[in-house]
Amino acid sequence: MHPAAHPDIHLRLHALRAAELHHEAAEFRLRPPRANLRTRLGWSLVELGLRLVGRPTSPRRRLVRPYAA
């Protein structure tokens, strides 16, 4: 029987790998998010669009000229 095939060793290897993955995930969560230029530009355009849509519009005055007689 191969030593790596023993159930206790197999379970221990899985536990070690799971601990490594948990450690990597914790490091990833602590890392600040990296936004690339395309993403930042896209969100800037969305923000600009929301500002334009939400801006109150003032009614425009129309200059009405009386007809010349």
N, C-alpha and C. Protein backbone atom coordinates (compact mmCIF):
# COMPACT_ATOMS: atom_id res chain seq x y z
N MET A 1 0.86 -1.18 0.00
CA MET A 1 0.00 0.00 0.00
C MET A 1 0.90 1.23 0.00
N HIS A 2 0.58 2.14 -0.85
CA HIS A 2 1.35 3.39 -0.96
C HIS A 2 1.07 4.26 0.27
N PRO A 3 2.13 4.90 0.85
CA PRO A 3 1.92 5.68 2.08
C PRO A 3 0.95 6.85 1.89
N ALA A 4 0.93 7.47 0.69
CA ALA A 4 0.04 8.61 0.46
C ALA A 4 -1.41 8.17 0.36
N ALA A 5 -1.65 6.88 0.18
CA ALA A 5 -3.00 6.39 0.04
C ALA A 5 -3.65 6.13 1.40
N HIS A 6 -2.90 6.24 2.45
CA HIS A 6 -3.46 6.01 3.78
C HIS A 6 -4.48 7.10 4.09
N PRO A 7 -5.65 6.77 4.60
CA PRO A 7 -6.71 7.76 4.81
C PRO A 7 -6.30 8.90 5.74
N ASP A 8 -5.54 8.61 6.78
CA ASP A 8 -5.14 9.68 7.69
C ASP A 8 -4.23 10.69 7.00
N ILE A 9 -3.31 10.19 6.19
CA ILE A 9 -2.42 11.10 5.46
C ILE A 9 -3.21 11.90 4.44
N HIS A 10 -4.12 11.25 3.78
CA HIS A 10 -4.95 11.91 2.78
C HIS A 10 -5.75 13.06 3.42
N LEU A 11 -6.37 12.79 4.56
CA LEU A 11 -7.13 13.83 5.26
C LEU A 11 -6.23 14.96 5.73
N ARG A 12 -5.04 14.61 6.20
CA ARG A 12 -4.10 15.65 6.67
C ARG A 12 -3.68 16.55 5.51
N LEU A 13 -3.42 15.97 4.34
CA LEU A 13 -3.05 16.78 3.17
C LEU A 13 -4.19 17.72 2.78
N HIS A 14 -5.43 17.23 2.86
CA HIS A 14 -6.57 18.09 2.56
C HIS A 14 -6.68 19.23 3.57
N ALA A 15 -6.45 18.93 4.83
CA ALA A 15 -6.53 19.96 5.86
C ALA A 15 -5.44 21.02 5.66
N LEU A 16 -4.23 20.58 5.29
CA LEU A 16 -3.16 21.55 5.03
C LEU A 16 -3.48 22.44 3.84
N ARG A 17 -4.00 21.84 2.79
CA ARG A 17 -4.35 22.63 1.60
C ARG A 17 -5.49 23.60 1.91
N ALA A 18 -6.46 23.16 2.68
CA ALA A 18 -7.56 24.05 3.05
C ALA A 18 -7.04 25.22 3.87
N ALA A 19 -6.10 24.97 4.78
CA ALA A 19 -5.52 26.05 5.58
C ALA A 19 -4.77 27.04 4.69
N GLU A 20 -4.04 26.52 3.69
CA GLU A 20 -3.34 27.41 2.75
C GLU A 20 -4.33 28.28 1.99
N LEU A 21 -5.41 27.69 1.53
CA LEU A 21 -6.41 28.45 0.77
C LEU A 21 -7.09 29.50 1.64
N HIS A 22 -7.37 29.17 2.89
CA HIS A 22 -7.96 30.15 3.81
C HIS A 22 -7.01 31.31 4.03
N HIS A 23 -5.73 31.01 4.15
CA HIS A 23 -4.72 32.07 4.35
C HIS A 23 -4.65 32.97 3.11
N GLU A 24 -4.63 32.39 1.92
CA GLU A 24 -4.59 33.17 0.69
C GLU A 24 -5.85 34.03 0.55
N ALA A 25 -7.00 33.49 0.92
CA ALA A 25 -8.25 34.25 0.82
C ALA A 25 -8.23 35.44 1.79
N ALA A 26 -7.69 35.23 2.98
CA ALA A 26 -7.62 36.32 3.96
C ALA A 26 -6.70 37.43 3.46
N GLU A 27 -5.58 37.05 2.86
CA GLU A 27 -4.67 38.06 2.29
C GLU A 27 -5.35 38.82 1.16
N PHE A 28 -6.11 38.13 0.34
CA PHE A 28 -6.79 38.76 -0.79
C PHE A 28 -7.83 39.77 -0.30
N ARG A 29 -8.56 39.41 0.77
CA ARG A 29 -9.59 40.31 1.31
C ARG A 29 -8.97 41.58 1.90
N LEU A 30 -7.75 41.48 2.44
CA LEU A 30 -7.11 42.64 3.06
C LEU A 30 -6.48 43.57 2.03
N ARG A 31 -6.26 43.07 0.83
CA ARG A 31 -5.62 43.86 -0.22
C ARG A 31 -6.60 44.93 -0.72
N PRO A 32 -6.12 46.17 -0.91
CA PRO A 32 -7.03 47.20 -1.45
C PRO A 32 -7.43 46.85 -2.88
N PRO A 33 -8.66 47.19 -3.25
CA PRO A 33 -9.11 46.85 -4.61
C PRO A 33 -8.33 47.65 -5.65
N ARG A 34 -8.00 46.97 -6.73
CA ARG A 34 -7.31 47.63 -7.84
C ARG A 34 -8.30 47.83 -8.96
N ALA A 35 -8.59 49.06 -9.22
CA ALA A 35 -9.50 49.35 -10.32
C ALA A 35 -8.68 49.80 -11.52
N ASN A 36 -8.89 49.16 -12.64
CA ASN A 36 -8.14 49.55 -13.82
C ASN A 36 -8.75 50.80 -14.44
N LEU A 37 -8.07 51.34 -15.38
CA LEU A 37 -8.49 52.60 -16.00
C LEU A 37 -9.86 52.50 -16.64
N ARG A 38 -10.13 51.39 -17.29
CA ARG A 38 -11.41 51.21 -17.97
C ARG A 38 -12.57 51.23 -16.96
N THR A 39 -12.38 50.57 -15.84
CA THR A 39 -13.42 50.53 -14.81
C THR A 39 -13.64 51.91 -14.22
N ARG A 40 -12.55 52.60 -13.89
CA ARG A 40 -12.69 53.94 -13.31
C ARG A 40 -13.36 54.90 -14.28
N LEU A 41 -12.99 54.82 -15.56
CA LEU A 41 -13.61 55.68 -16.56
C LEU A 41 -15.09 55.38 -16.69
N GLY A 42 -15.44 54.10 -16.70
CA GLY A 42 -16.85 53.72 -16.81
C GLY A 42 -17.67 54.25 -15.66
N TRP A 43 -17.18 54.11 -14.44
CA TRP A 43 -17.93 54.61 -13.29
C TRP A 43 -17.98 56.13 -13.28
N SER A 44 -16.93 56.78 -13.77
CA SER A 44 -16.97 58.25 -13.87
C SER A 44 -18.05 58.70 -14.84
N LEU A 45 -18.19 57.99 -15.95
CA LEU A 45 -19.23 58.33 -16.92
C LEU A 45 -20.62 58.07 -16.36
N VAL A 46 -20.77 56.99 -15.60
CA VAL A 46 -22.06 56.72 -14.96
C VAL A 46 -22.39 57.83 -13.98
N GLU A 47 -21.42 58.25 -13.18
CA GLU A 47 -21.65 59.33 -12.21
C GLU A 47 -22.02 60.63 -12.92
N LEU A 48 -21.32 60.93 -14.01
CA LEU A 48 -21.64 62.14 -14.77
C LEU A 48 -23.06 62.07 -15.33
N GLY A 49 -23.44 60.93 -15.87
CA GLY A 49 -24.79 60.77 -16.41
C GLY A 49 -25.85 60.94 -15.33
N LEU A 50 -25.59 60.39 -14.14
CA LEU A 50 -26.56 60.55 -13.06
C LEU A 50 -26.66 62.00 -12.62
N ARG A 51 -25.56 62.71 -12.64
CA ARG A 51 -25.61 64.13 -12.29
C ARG A 51 -26.43 64.91 -13.32
N LEU A 52 -26.24 64.60 -14.59
CA LEU A 52 -26.97 65.30 -15.64
C LEU A 52 -28.46 65.00 -15.58
N VAL A 53 -28.82 63.76 -15.30
CA VAL A 53 -30.22 63.37 -15.23
C VAL A 53 -30.88 63.97 -14.00
N GLY A 54 -30.17 64.03 -12.90
CA GLY A 54 -30.75 64.51 -11.66
C GLY A 54 -30.74 66.01 -11.50
N ARG A 55 -30.10 66.71 -12.43
CA ARG A 55 -30.02 68.17 -12.32
C ARG A 55 -31.37 68.79 -12.63
N PRO A 56 -31.85 69.68 -11.77
CA PRO A 56 -33.14 70.32 -12.06
C PRO A 56 -33.01 71.25 -13.27
N THR A 57 -34.00 71.21 -14.08
CA THR A 57 -33.99 72.05 -15.28
C THR A 57 -34.86 73.27 -15.02
N SER A 58 -34.39 74.40 -15.48
CA SER A 58 -35.18 75.62 -15.33
C SER A 58 -35.94 75.84 -16.64
N PRO A 59 -37.18 76.28 -16.53
CA PRO A 59 -37.95 76.51 -17.76
C PRO A 59 -37.32 77.66 -18.55
N ARG A 60 -37.21 77.43 -19.82
CA ARG A 60 -36.62 78.45 -20.69
C ARG A 60 -37.67 79.47 -21.07
N ARG A 61 -37.27 80.71 -21.06
CA ARG A 61 -38.19 81.77 -21.51
C ARG A 61 -38.10 81.90 -23.01
N ARG A 62 -39.23 81.95 -23.62
CA ARG A 62 -39.25 82.14 -25.07
C ARG A 62 -39.57 83.60 -25.34
N LEU A 63 -38.79 84.15 -26.16
CA LEU A 63 -39.05 85.53 -26.55
C LEU A 63 -40.09 85.51 -27.67
N VAL A 64 -41.23 86.04 -27.36
CA VAL A 64 -42.31 86.07 -28.33
C VAL A 64 -42.36 87.47 -28.92
N ARG A 65 -42.14 87.54 -30.20
CA ARG A 65 -42.19 88.83 -30.88
C ARG A 65 -43.58 89.03 -31.47
N PRO A 66 -44.15 90.15 -31.20
CA PRO A 66 -45.46 90.40 -31.82
C PRO A 66 -45.26 90.55 -33.33
N TYR A 67 -46.26 90.11 -34.04
CA TYR A 67 -46.19 90.25 -35.49
C TYR A 67 -46.19 91.71 -35.89
N ALA A 68 -45.38 92.02 -36.84
CA ALA A 68 -45.33 93.40 -37.35
C ALA A 68 -46.54 93.60 -38.26
N ALA A 69 -47.25 94.68 -38.04
CA ALA A 69 -48.46 94.93 -38.81
C ALA A 69 -48.20 95.60 -40.11
